[in-house]
Amino acid sequence: MTDRIDQATRSRTMAAIRSRDTKPEKWVRSALHQQGFRFRLHDKKLPGSPDLVLRKYTLNG
């Protein structure tokens, strides 16, 4: 399958997409924190580097 957009345009578009601190992510973090949940952000020790990690509730300690 070929791309309809040239490589330079695709690169600019992808560079503009944020992967951290987006508005929905900040809203969820704020709501969780207000309810007393404590978490870690973007834990690189886990596969995929998830946005939020609730360590207190992990299955394997």
Protein backbone atom coordinates (compact mmCIF):
# COMPACT_ATOMS: atom_id res chain seq x y z
CA MET A 1 0.00 0.00 0.00
CA THR A 2 1.43 3.36 -0.97
CA ASP A 3 1.16 6.51 1.06
CA ARG A 4 -0.82 9.40 -0.41
CA ILE A 5 1.39 11.95 1.35
CA ASP A 6 5.04 12.56 0.56
CA GLN A 7 7.66 11.69 3.15
CA ALA A 8 8.45 15.27 4.24
CA THR A 9 4.79 16.11 4.86
CA ARG A 10 4.25 12.85 6.73
CA SER A 11 7.30 13.60 8.91
CA ARG A 12 6.02 17.09 9.81
CA THR A 13 2.57 15.71 10.61
CA MET A 14 3.88 12.94 12.85
CA ALA A 15 6.29 15.31 14.61
CA ALA A 16 3.37 17.55 15.58
CA ILE A 17 1.48 14.71 17.31
CA ARG A 18 2.19 14.74 21.01
CA SER A 19 2.48 11.48 22.89
CA ARG A 20 2.62 12.93 26.39
CA ASP A 21 0.70 15.51 28.40
CA THR A 22 -2.29 15.68 26.09
CA LYS A 23 -5.45 17.38 27.37
CA PRO A 24 -7.37 14.11 27.87
CA GLU A 25 -4.40 12.59 29.70
CA LYS A 26 -4.09 15.61 31.99
CA TRP A 27 -7.84 15.50 32.70
CA VAL A 28 -7.70 11.82 33.69
CA ARG A 29 -4.60 12.37 35.84
CA SER A 30 -6.25 15.28 37.62
CA ALA A 31 -9.46 13.33 38.29
CA LEU A 32 -7.54 10.31 39.62
CA HIS A 33 -5.37 12.47 41.85
CA GLN A 34 -8.39 14.29 43.29
CA GLN A 35 -9.90 10.93 44.22
CA GLY A 36 -6.75 9.91 46.07
CA PHE A 37 -5.12 7.63 43.52
CA ARG A 38 -1.36 7.95 43.26
CA PHE A 39 0.43 6.87 40.13
CA ARG A 40 3.61 6.94 38.09
CA LEU A 41 3.82 8.40 34.59
CA HIS A 42 5.24 6.69 31.49
CA ASP A 43 6.96 3.80 33.31
CA LYS A 44 9.64 2.60 30.91
CA LYS A 45 10.11 -0.62 32.90
CA LEU A 46 6.79 -1.91 31.57
CA PRO A 47 6.15 -2.97 27.98
CA GLY A 48 4.81 -0.14 25.86
CA SER A 49 5.57 2.57 28.44
CA PRO A 50 1.97 3.12 29.64
CA ASP A 51 0.76 6.64 30.42
CA LEU A 52 -0.33 5.84 33.99
CA VAL A 53 0.81 3.08 36.34
CA LEU A 54 -1.09 2.47 39.56
CA ARG A 55 1.68 0.58 41.38
CA LYS A 56 -0.43 -0.06 44.47
CA TYR A 57 -2.81 -2.18 42.37
CA THR A 58 -0.36 -4.20 40.27
CA LEU A 59 -0.75 -7.97 40.24
CA ASN A 60 2.91 -8.89 40.66
CA GLY A 61 3.94 -6.37 43.30
